[in-house]
């Protein structure tokens, strides 16, 4: 388990961190690791949240979010 600093909801902040996320996840590929996702989606509408999950999902094996106190797949899969 690990967590890092939060990433603000701006597209620019997310784009800046993706290369680091990809390198980090490459180090764990094939192993067992859970990261507490630091992407802040508060203030984004449902469409923007899905777009953000797609944008960051390509460097993660799974992306989830908390909805009504429950952990659910971010893309409804």
PDB file of N, CA and C in Angstrom:
ATOM      1  N   UNK A   1       0.846  -1.170   0.000  1.00  0.00           N
ATOM      2  CA  UNK A   1       0.000   0.000   0.000  1.00  0.00           C
ATOM      3  C   UNK A   1       0.890   1.231   0.000  1.00  0.00           C
ATOM      4  N   UNK A   2       0.483   2.226  -0.765  1.00  0.00           N
ATOM      5  CA  UNK A   2       1.189   3.499  -0.706  1.00  0.00           C
ATOM      6  C   UNK A   2       0.274   4.611  -1.189  1.00  0.00           C
ATOM      7  N   UNK A   3       0.617   5.809  -0.843  1.00  0.00           N
ATOM      8  CA  UNK A   3      -0.128   6.987  -1.279  1.00  0.00           C
ATOM      9  C   UNK A   3       0.878   8.122  -1.458  1.00  0.00           C
ATOM     10  N   UNK A   4       0.490   9.052  -2.281  1.00  0.00           N
ATOM     11  CA  UNK A   4       1.343  10.214  -2.517  1.00  0.00           C
ATOM     12  C   UNK A   4       0.531  11.480  -2.313  1.00  0.00           C
ATOM     13  N   UNK A   5       1.128  12.595  -2.635  1.00  0.00           N
ATOM     14  CA  UNK A   5       0.457  13.886  -2.495  1.00  0.00           C
ATOM     15  C   UNK A   5      -0.734  13.966  -3.454  1.00  0.00           C
ATOM     16  N   UNK A   6      -1.755  14.734  -3.116  1.00  0.00           N
ATOM     17  CA  UNK A   6      -2.924  14.847  -3.991  1.00  0.00           C
ATOM     18  C   UNK A   6      -2.622  15.634  -5.258  1.00  0.00           C
ATOM     19  N   UNK A   7      -3.319  15.265  -6.331  1.00  0.00           N
ATOM     20  CA  UNK A   7      -3.202  15.947  -7.619  1.00  0.00           C
ATOM     21  C   UNK A   7      -4.482  16.743  -7.821  1.00  0.00           C
ATOM     22  N   UNK A   8      -4.353  18.052  -7.975  1.00  0.00           N
ATOM     23  CA  UNK A   8      -5.531  18.894  -8.149  1.00  0.00           C
ATOM     24  C   UNK A   8      -6.295  18.507  -9.415  1.00  0.00           C
ATOM     25  N   UNK A   9      -7.564  18.898  -9.523  1.00  0.00           N
ATOM     26  CA  UNK A   9      -8.391  18.427 -10.639  1.00  0.00           C
ATOM     27  C   UNK A   9      -8.120  19.075 -11.994  1.00  0.00           C
ATOM     28  N   UNK A  10      -7.167  19.981 -12.103  1.00  0.00           N
ATOM     29  CA  UNK A  10      -6.928  20.605 -13.409  1.00  0.00           C
ATOM     30  C   UNK A  10      -6.281  19.617 -14.380  1.00  0.00           C
ATOM     31  N   UNK A  11      -6.648  19.729 -15.633  1.00  0.00           N
ATOM     32  CA  UNK A  11      -6.091  18.859 -16.677  1.00  0.00           C
ATOM     33  C   UNK A  11      -4.573  19.018 -16.761  1.00  0.00           C
ATOM     34  N   UNK A  12      -4.071  20.213 -16.540  1.00  0.00           N
ATOM     35  CA  UNK A  12      -2.635  20.466 -16.620  1.00  0.00           C
ATOM     36  C   UNK A  12      -1.878  19.714 -15.524  1.00  0.00           C
ATOM     37  N   UNK A  13      -2.432  19.711 -14.321  1.00  0.00           N
ATOM     38  CA  UNK A  13      -1.780  19.015 -13.209  1.00  0.00           C
ATOM     39  C   UNK A  13      -1.740  17.511 -13.467  1.00  0.00           C
ATOM     40  N   UNK A  14      -2.829  16.977 -13.995  1.00  0.00           N
ATOM     41  CA  UNK A  14      -2.885  15.543 -14.288  1.00  0.00           C
ATOM     42  C   UNK A  14      -1.892  15.199 -15.398  1.00  0.00           C
ATOM     43  N   UNK A  15      -1.867  15.989 -16.461  1.00  0.00           N
ATOM     44  CA  UNK A  15      -0.940  15.728 -17.573  1.00  0.00           C
ATOM     45  C   UNK A  15       0.511  15.764 -17.100  1.00  0.00           C
ATOM     46  N   UNK A  16       0.829  16.645 -16.167  1.00  0.00           N
ATOM     47  CA  UNK A  16       2.201  16.764 -15.684  1.00  0.00           C
ATOM     48  C   UNK A  16       2.644  15.546 -14.875  1.00  0.00           C
ATOM     49  N   UNK A  17       1.709  14.880 -14.197  1.00  0.00           N
ATOM     50  CA  UNK A  17       2.077  13.769 -13.319  1.00  0.00           C
ATOM     51  C   UNK A  17       2.015  12.405 -14.012  1.00  0.00           C
ATOM     52  N   UNK A  18       1.326  12.293 -15.138  1.00  0.00           N
ATOM     53  CA  UNK A  18       1.161  10.999 -15.815  1.00  0.00           C
ATOM     54  C   UNK A  18       2.491  10.307 -16.119  1.00  0.00           C
ATOM     55  N   UNK A  19       3.519  10.991 -16.637  1.00  0.00           N
ATOM     56  CA  UNK A  19       4.789  10.276 -16.877  1.00  0.00           C
ATOM     57  C   UNK A  19       5.377   9.666 -15.610  1.00  0.00           C
ATOM     58  N   UNK A  20       5.243  10.344 -14.491  1.00  0.00           N
ATOM     59  CA  UNK A  20       5.739   9.815 -13.218  1.00  0.00           C
ATOM     60  C   UNK A  20       4.903   8.623 -12.765  1.00  0.00           C
ATOM     61  N   UNK A  21       3.579   8.717 -12.948  1.00  0.00           N
ATOM     62  CA  UNK A  21       2.695   7.600 -12.605  1.00  0.00           C
ATOM     63  C   UNK A  21       3.046   6.366 -13.436  1.00  0.00           C
ATOM     64  N   UNK A  22       3.273   6.560 -14.717  1.00  0.00           N
ATOM     65  CA  UNK A  22       3.597   5.431 -15.606  1.00  0.00           C
ATOM     66  C   UNK A  22       4.893   4.755 -15.156  1.00  0.00           C
ATOM     67  N   UNK A  23       5.902   5.545 -14.853  1.00  0.00           N
ATOM     68  CA  UNK A  23       7.185   4.978 -14.402  1.00  0.00           C
ATOM     69  C   UNK A  23       7.017   4.254 -13.069  1.00  0.00           C
ATOM     70  N   UNK A  24       6.244   4.836 -12.169  1.00  0.00           N
ATOM     71  CA  UNK A  24       6.000   4.232 -10.860  1.00  0.00           C
ATOM     72  C   UNK A  24       5.297   2.893 -11.015  1.00  0.00           C
ATOM     73  N   UNK A  25       4.243   2.859 -11.832  1.00  0.00           N
ATOM     74  CA  UNK A  25       3.481   1.630 -12.014  1.00  0.00           C
ATOM     75  C   UNK A  25       4.298   0.566 -12.741  1.00  0.00           C
ATOM     76  N   UNK A  26       5.176   0.970 -13.651  1.00  0.00           N
ATOM     77  CA  UNK A  26       6.061  -0.004 -14.320  1.00  0.00           C
ATOM     78  C   UNK A  26       6.919  -0.747 -13.303  1.00  0.00           C
ATOM     79  N   UNK A  27       7.327  -0.067 -12.248  1.00  0.00           N
ATOM     80  CA  UNK A  27       8.149  -0.706 -11.215  1.00  0.00           C
ATOM     81  C   UNK A  27       7.380  -1.786 -10.462  1.00  0.00           C
ATOM     82  N   UNK A  28       6.065  -1.637 -10.376  1.00  0.00           N
ATOM     83  CA  UNK A  28       5.240  -2.590  -9.639  1.00  0.00           C
ATOM     84  C   UNK A  28       4.583  -3.646 -10.521  1.00  0.00           C
ATOM     85  N   UNK A  29       4.635  -3.476 -11.819  1.00  0.00           N
ATOM     86  CA  UNK A  29       3.955  -4.400 -12.729  1.00  0.00           C
ATOM     87  C   UNK A  29       4.393  -5.835 -12.456  1.00  0.00           C
ATOM     88  N   UNK A  30       3.408  -6.714 -12.350  1.00  0.00           N
ATOM     89  CA  UNK A  30       3.687  -8.112 -12.058  1.00  0.00           C
ATOM     90  C   UNK A  30       3.769  -8.402 -10.565  1.00  0.00           C
ATOM     91  N   UNK A  31       3.786  -7.361  -9.771  1.00  0.00           N
ATOM     92  CA  UNK A  31       3.841  -7.535  -8.323  1.00  0.00           C
ATOM     93  C   UNK A  31       2.498  -7.180  -7.705  1.00  0.00           C
ATOM     94  N   UNK A  32       2.514  -7.042  -6.420  1.00  0.00           N
ATOM     95  CA  UNK A  32       1.279  -6.704  -5.706  1.00  0.00           C
ATOM     96  C   UNK A  32       1.456  -5.352  -5.043  1.00  0.00           C
ATOM     97  N   UNK A  33       0.664  -4.392  -5.460  1.00  0.00           N
ATOM     98  CA  UNK A  33       0.714  -3.062  -4.861  1.00  0.00           C
ATOM     99  C   UNK A  33      -0.652  -2.412  -4.989  1.00  0.00           C
ATOM    100  N   UNK A  34      -0.998  -1.661  -3.988  1.00  0.00           N
ATOM    101  CA  UNK A  34      -2.236  -0.883  -4.017  1.00  0.00           C
ATOM    102  C   UNK A  34      -1.854   0.546  -3.697  1.00  0.00           C
ATOM    103  N   UNK A  35      -2.269   1.455  -4.536  1.00  0.00           N
ATOM    104  CA  UNK A  35      -2.026   2.865  -4.263  1.00  0.00           C
ATOM    105  C   UNK A  35      -3.343   3.554  -3.960  1.00  0.00           C
ATOM    106  N   UNK A  36      -3.310   4.426  -2.993  1.00  0.00           N
ATOM    107  CA  UNK A  36      -4.462   5.264  -2.725  1.00  0.00           C
ATOM    108  C   UNK A  36      -4.377   6.415  -3.715  1.00  0.00           C
ATOM    109  N   UNK A  37      -5.262   6.392  -4.664  1.00  0.00           N
ATOM    110  CA  UNK A  37      -5.209   7.314  -5.791  1.00  0.00           C
ATOM    111  C   UNK A  37      -5.295   8.758  -5.325  1.00  0.00           C
ATOM    112  N   UNK A  38      -4.346   9.566  -5.704  1.00  0.00           N
ATOM    113  CA  UNK A  38      -4.311  10.934  -5.214  1.00  0.00           C
ATOM    114  C   UNK A  38      -5.047  11.944  -6.084  1.00  0.00           C
ATOM    115  N   UNK A  39      -5.788  11.494  -7.092  1.00  0.00           N
ATOM    116  CA  UNK A  39      -6.444  12.440  -7.992  1.00  0.00           C
ATOM    117  C   UNK A  39      -7.720  12.982  -7.373  1.00  0.00           C
ATOM    118  N   UNK A  40      -7.795  14.281  -7.253  1.00  0.00           N
ATOM    119  CA  UNK A  40      -8.974  14.927  -6.692  1.00  0.00           C
ATOM    120  C   UNK A  40      -9.983  15.145  -7.812  1.00  0.00           C
ATOM    121  N   UNK A  41     -11.196  14.649  -7.614  1.00  0.00           N
ATOM    122  CA  UNK A  41     -12.236  14.821  -8.634  1.00  0.00           C
ATOM    123  C   UNK A  41     -13.399  15.657  -8.112  1.00  0.00           C
ATOM    124  N   UNK A  42     -13.287  16.157  -6.879  1.00  0.00           N
ATOM    125  CA  UNK A  42     -14.320  17.033  -6.348  1.00  0.00           C
ATOM    126  C   UNK A  42     -14.474  18.255  -7.233  1.00  0.00           C
ATOM    127  N   UNK A  43     -15.710  18.615  -7.497  1.00  0.00           N
ATOM    128  CA  UNK A  43     -15.970  19.767  -8.350  1.00  0.00           C
ATOM    129  C   UNK A  43     -16.116  19.418  -9.823  1.00  0.00           C
ATOM    130  N   UNK A  44     -15.768  18.173 -10.188  1.00  0.00           N
ATOM    131  CA  UNK A  44     -15.938  17.735 -11.571  1.00  0.00           C
ATOM    132  C   UNK A  44     -17.310  17.084 -11.710  1.00  0.00           C
ATOM    133  N   UNK A  45     -17.935  17.248 -12.883  1.00  0.00           N
ATOM    134  CA  UNK A  45     -19.210  16.555 -13.104  1.00  0.00           C
ATOM    135  C   UNK A  45     -18.939  15.104 -13.509  1.00  0.00           C
ATOM    136  N   UNK A  46     -19.981  14.317 -13.603  1.00  0.00           N
ATOM    137  CA  UNK A  46     -19.833  12.876 -13.879  1.00  0.00           C
ATOM    138  C   UNK A  46     -19.055  12.617 -15.164  1.00  0.00           C
ATOM    139  N   UNK A  47     -19.346  13.359 -16.215  1.00  0.00           N
ATOM    140  CA  UNK A  47     -18.630  13.188 -17.485  1.00  0.00           C
ATOM    141  C   UNK A  47     -17.140  13.474 -17.299  1.00  0.00           C
ATOM    142  N   UNK A  48     -16.803  14.534 -16.581  1.00  0.00           N
ATOM    143  CA  UNK A  48     -15.405  14.880 -16.351  1.00  0.00           C
ATOM    144  C   UNK A  48     -14.698  13.828 -15.496  1.00  0.00           C
ATOM    145  N   UNK A  49     -15.412  13.253 -14.537  1.00  0.00           N
ATOM    146  CA  UNK A  49     -14.826  12.197 -13.709  1.00  0.00           C
ATOM    147  C   UNK A  49     -14.479  10.977 -14.554  1.00  0.00           C
ATOM    148  N   UNK A  50     -15.390  10.586 -15.453  1.00  0.00           N
ATOM    149  CA  UNK A  50     -15.129   9.450 -16.341  1.00  0.00           C
ATOM    150  C   UNK A  50     -13.950   9.768 -17.265  1.00  0.00           C
ATOM    151  N   UNK A  51     -13.919  10.978 -17.807  1.00  0.00           N
ATOM    152  CA  UNK A  51     -12.797  11.375 -18.669  1.00  0.00           C
ATOM    153  C   UNK A  51     -11.477  11.324 -17.906  1.00  0.00           C
ATOM    154  N   UNK A  52     -11.486  11.749 -16.655  1.00  0.00           N
ATOM    155  CA  UNK A  52     -10.271  11.712 -15.835  1.00  0.00           C
ATOM    156  C   UNK A  52      -9.856  10.273 -15.585  1.00  0.00           C
ATOM    157  N   UNK A  53     -10.817   9.390 -15.299  1.00  0.00           N
ATOM    158  CA  UNK A  53     -10.497   7.974 -15.074  1.00  0.00           C
ATOM    159  C   UNK A  53      -9.882   7.359 -16.325  1.00  0.00           C
ATOM    160  N   UNK A  54     -10.393   7.716 -17.489  1.00  0.00           N
ATOM    161  CA  UNK A  54      -9.823   7.226 -18.748  1.00  0.00           C
ATOM    162  C   UNK A  54      -8.406   7.766 -18.922  1.00  0.00           C
ATOM    163  N   UNK A  55      -8.218   9.047 -18.634  1.00  0.00           N
ATOM    164  CA  UNK A  55      -6.911   9.689 -18.823  1.00  0.00           C
ATOM    165  C   UNK A  55      -5.833   9.067 -17.944  1.00  0.00           C
ATOM    166  N   UNK A  56      -6.171   8.712 -16.705  1.00  0.00           N
ATOM    167  CA  UNK A  56      -5.157   8.136 -15.816  1.00  0.00           C
ATOM    168  C   UNK A  56      -5.176   6.615 -15.832  1.00  0.00           C
ATOM    169  N   UNK A  57      -6.244   6.030 -16.343  1.00  0.00           N
ATOM    170  CA  UNK A  57      -6.403   4.578 -16.309  1.00  0.00           C
ATOM    171  C   UNK A  57      -5.392   3.804 -17.114  1.00  0.00           C
ATOM    172  N   UNK A  58      -4.849   4.413 -18.157  1.00  0.00           N
ATOM    173  CA  UNK A  58      -3.918   3.663 -19.010  1.00  0.00           C
ATOM    174  C   UNK A  58      -2.606   3.314 -18.321  1.00  0.00           C
ATOM    175  N   UNK A  59      -2.297   3.959 -17.203  1.00  0.00           N
ATOM    176  CA  UNK A  59      -1.072   3.615 -16.479  1.00  0.00           C
ATOM    177  C   UNK A  59      -1.354   2.802 -15.222  1.00  0.00           C
ATOM    178  N   UNK A  60      -2.612   2.421 -15.007  1.00  0.00           N
ATOM    179  CA  UNK A  60      -2.999   1.631 -13.840  1.00  0.00           C
ATOM    180  C   UNK A  60      -3.735   0.378 -14.293  1.00  0.00           C
ATOM    181  N   UNK A  61      -3.647  -0.670 -13.506  1.00  0.00           N
ATOM    182  CA  UNK A  61      -4.382  -1.892 -13.832  1.00  0.00           C
ATOM    183  C   UNK A  61      -5.863  -1.735 -13.538  1.00  0.00           C
ATOM    184  N   UNK A  62      -6.212  -0.988 -12.502  1.00  0.00           N
ATOM    185  CA  UNK A  62      -7.602  -0.727 -12.139  1.00  0.00           C
ATOM    186  C   UNK A  62      -7.700   0.678 -11.567  1.00  0.00           C
ATOM    187  N   UNK A  63      -8.833   1.314 -11.777  1.00  0.00           N
ATOM    188  CA  UNK A  63      -9.091   2.632 -11.204  1.00  0.00           C
ATOM    189  C   UNK A  63     -10.476   2.578 -10.552  1.00  0.00           C
ATOM    190  N   UNK A  64     -10.534   2.917  -9.266  1.00  0.00           N
ATOM    191  CA  UNK A  64     -11.790   2.928  -8.516  1.00  0.00           C
ATOM    192  C   UNK A  64     -12.004   4.302  -7.913  1.00  0.00           C
ATOM    193  N   UNK A  65     -13.222   4.539  -7.446  1.00  0.00           N
ATOM    194  CA  UNK A  65     -13.517   5.751  -6.701  1.00  0.00           C
ATOM    195  C   UNK A  65     -14.535   5.421  -5.624  1.00  0.00           C
ATOM    196  N   UNK A  66     -14.708   6.339  -4.707  1.00  0.00           N
ATOM    197  CA  UNK A  66     -15.662   6.142  -3.622  1.00  0.00           C
ATOM    198  C   UNK A  66     -16.942   6.884  -3.970  1.00  0.00           C
ATOM    199  N   UNK A  67     -18.052   6.143  -3.973  1.00  0.00           N
ATOM    200  CA  UNK A  67     -19.375   6.708  -4.242  1.00  0.00           C
ATOM    201  C   UNK A  67     -20.285   6.277  -3.107  1.00  0.00           C
ATOM    202  N   UNK A  68     -20.864   7.243  -2.432  1.00  0.00           N
ATOM    203  CA  UNK A  68     -21.744   6.948  -1.293  1.00  0.00           C
ATOM    204  C   UNK A  68     -21.087   6.010  -0.283  1.00  0.00           C
ATOM    205  N   UNK A  69     -19.800   6.243  -0.027  1.00  0.00           N
ATOM    206  CA  UNK A  69     -19.087   5.454   0.968  1.00  0.00           C
ATOM    207  C   UNK A  69     -18.650   4.076   0.511  1.00  0.00           C
ATOM    208  N   UNK A  70     -18.845   3.751  -0.769  1.00  0.00           N
ATOM    209  CA  UNK A  70     -18.464   2.422  -1.295  1.00  0.00           C
ATOM    210  C   UNK A  70     -17.429   2.573  -2.392  1.00  0.00           C
ATOM    211  N   UNK A  71     -16.493   1.645  -2.445  1.00  0.00           N
ATOM    212  CA  UNK A  71     -15.476   1.611  -3.496  1.00  0.00           C
ATOM    213  C   UNK A  71     -16.077   0.969  -4.730  1.00  0.00           C
ATOM    214  N   UNK A  72     -16.074   1.682  -5.856  1.00  0.00           N
ATOM    215  CA  UNK A  72     -16.651   1.168  -7.100  1.00  0.00           C
ATOM    216  C   UNK A  72     -15.681   1.419  -8.253  1.00  0.00           C
ATOM    217  N   UNK A  73     -15.731   0.580  -9.304  1.00  0.00           N
ATOM    218  CA  UNK A  73     -14.887   0.835 -10.480  1.00  0.00           C
ATOM    219  C   UNK A  73     -15.211   2.214 -11.059  1.00  0.00           C
ATOM    220  N   UNK A  74     -14.192   2.972 -11.384  1.00  0.00           N
ATOM    221  CA  UNK A  74     -14.389   4.339 -11.870  1.00  0.00           C
ATOM    222  C   UNK A  74     -15.098   4.395 -13.214  1.00  0.00           C
ATOM    223  N   UNK A  75     -14.971   3.333 -14.001  1.00  0.00           N
ATOM    224  CA  UNK A  75     -15.587   3.335 -15.329  1.00  0.00           C
ATOM    225  C   UNK A  75     -16.796   2.423 -15.393  1.00  0.00           C
ATOM    226  N   UNK A  76     -17.288   2.006 -14.257  1.00  0.00           N
ATOM    227  CA  UNK A  76     -18.502   1.181 -14.229  1.00  0.00           C
ATOM    228  C   UNK A  76     -18.312  -0.229 -14.725  1.00  0.00           C
ATOM    229  N   UNK A  77     -17.077  -0.731 -14.743  1.00  0.00           N
ATOM    230  CA  UNK A  77     -16.820  -2.102 -15.196  1.00  0.00           C
ATOM    231  C   UNK A  77     -16.707  -3.035 -14.023  1.00  0.00           C
TER     232      UNK A  77
END
